[in-house]
């Protein structure tokens, strides 16, 4: 149960961030004019939207996971201070 909750703490905010990034980026950029390494990407608009969404989602998920990992020591310390039965390192 804890693992599912932690996964949702990563995936759901990352999904929302990817949605917002998709809207912001493609409000300004035409996907048919994207270039990579000096060459035009030969993707349809739908393919460009799809690929970019998954890239945005992946980058956002990595950021969310890093935030969760960095907050673990504080969460452990807070739970130990509330529950004196837990062993201290």
Protein backbone atom coordinates (compact mmCIF):
# COMPACT_ATOMS: atom_id res chain seq x y z
CA UNK A 1 0.00 0.00 0.00
CA UNK A 2 2.81 2.40 0.85
CA UNK A 3 4.53 1.69 -2.46
CA UNK A 4 1.35 2.52 -4.42
CA UNK A 5 0.95 5.76 -2.48
CA UNK A 6 4.55 6.75 -3.16
CA UNK A 7 4.14 5.90 -6.84
CA UNK A 8 1.06 8.11 -7.04
CA UNK A 9 2.96 10.89 -5.25
CA UNK A 10 5.37 10.78 -8.18
CA UNK A 11 3.19 9.97 -11.18
CA UNK A 12 0.14 12.18 -10.63
CA UNK A 13 1.91 15.55 -10.15
CA UNK A 14 4.23 14.63 -13.02
CA UNK A 15 1.21 13.97 -15.25
CA UNK A 16 -0.31 17.34 -14.36
CA UNK A 17 3.01 19.09 -14.98
CA UNK A 18 3.36 17.36 -18.36
CA UNK A 19 -0.15 18.51 -19.32
CA UNK A 20 0.67 22.10 -18.39
CA UNK A 21 4.01 21.99 -20.23
CA UNK A 22 2.35 20.53 -23.31
CA UNK A 23 -0.19 23.35 -23.38
CA UNK A 24 2.40 26.05 -22.79
CA UNK A 25 5.00 24.80 -25.27
CA UNK A 26 2.64 24.05 -28.13
CA UNK A 27 0.75 27.29 -27.70
CA UNK A 28 3.95 28.88 -29.02
CA UNK A 29 5.69 26.15 -31.06
CA UNK A 30 4.38 24.48 -34.21
CA UNK A 31 5.28 20.78 -33.99
CA UNK A 32 5.89 20.60 -37.73
CA UNK A 33 8.74 23.10 -37.37
CA UNK A 34 10.71 21.14 -34.77
CA UNK A 35 14.36 20.40 -35.55
CA UNK A 36 16.84 18.04 -33.92
CA UNK A 37 20.55 18.27 -34.70
CA UNK A 38 19.92 20.67 -37.56
CA UNK A 39 17.48 18.34 -39.29
CA UNK A 40 13.71 18.68 -39.36
CA UNK A 41 11.85 16.00 -37.44
CA UNK A 42 9.62 14.18 -39.86
CA UNK A 43 6.81 13.56 -37.41
CA UNK A 44 3.14 14.27 -37.76
CA UNK A 45 1.65 16.78 -35.35
CA UNK A 46 0.04 13.99 -33.34
CA UNK A 47 3.32 12.09 -33.08
CA UNK A 48 5.17 15.25 -32.00
CA UNK A 49 2.52 15.95 -29.36
CA UNK A 50 2.70 12.37 -28.11
CA UNK A 51 6.50 12.13 -27.95
CA UNK A 52 6.83 15.51 -26.28
CA UNK A 53 4.14 14.65 -23.72
CA UNK A 54 5.98 11.49 -22.68
CA UNK A 55 9.30 13.36 -22.53
CA UNK A 56 7.70 16.05 -20.35
CA UNK A 57 6.08 13.38 -18.17
CA UNK A 58 9.34 11.50 -17.74
CA UNK A 59 11.33 14.60 -16.81
CA UNK A 60 8.60 15.70 -14.40
CA UNK A 61 8.44 12.23 -12.84
CA UNK A 62 12.19 12.25 -12.27
CA UNK A 63 11.89 15.64 -10.57
CA UNK A 64 8.99 14.42 -8.40
CA UNK A 65 10.86 11.24 -7.47
CA UNK A 66 13.93 13.24 -6.53
CA UNK A 67 11.78 15.48 -4.35
CA UNK A 68 10.28 12.44 -2.63
CA UNK A 69 13.69 10.86 -2.07
CA UNK A 70 15.12 14.07 -0.65
CA UNK A 71 12.17 14.43 1.74
CA UNK A 72 12.50 10.90 3.20
CA UNK A 73 15.01 11.76 5.95
CA UNK A 74 12.78 14.59 7.19
CA UNK A 75 9.70 12.35 7.12
CA UNK A 76 11.53 9.61 9.03
CA UNK A 77 12.79 12.08 11.61
CA UNK A 78 9.30 13.55 12.06
CA UNK A 79 7.75 10.11 12.50
CA UNK A 80 10.42 9.15 15.05
CA UNK A 81 9.81 12.27 17.08
CA UNK A 82 6.05 11.48 17.17
CA UNK A 83 6.53 7.81 18.04
CA UNK A 84 9.18 7.11 20.68
CA UNK A 85 8.90 3.35 20.04
CA UNK A 86 10.77 3.56 16.74
CA UNK A 87 14.50 2.85 16.95
CA UNK A 88 16.82 5.79 16.39
CA UNK A 89 19.95 5.46 14.26
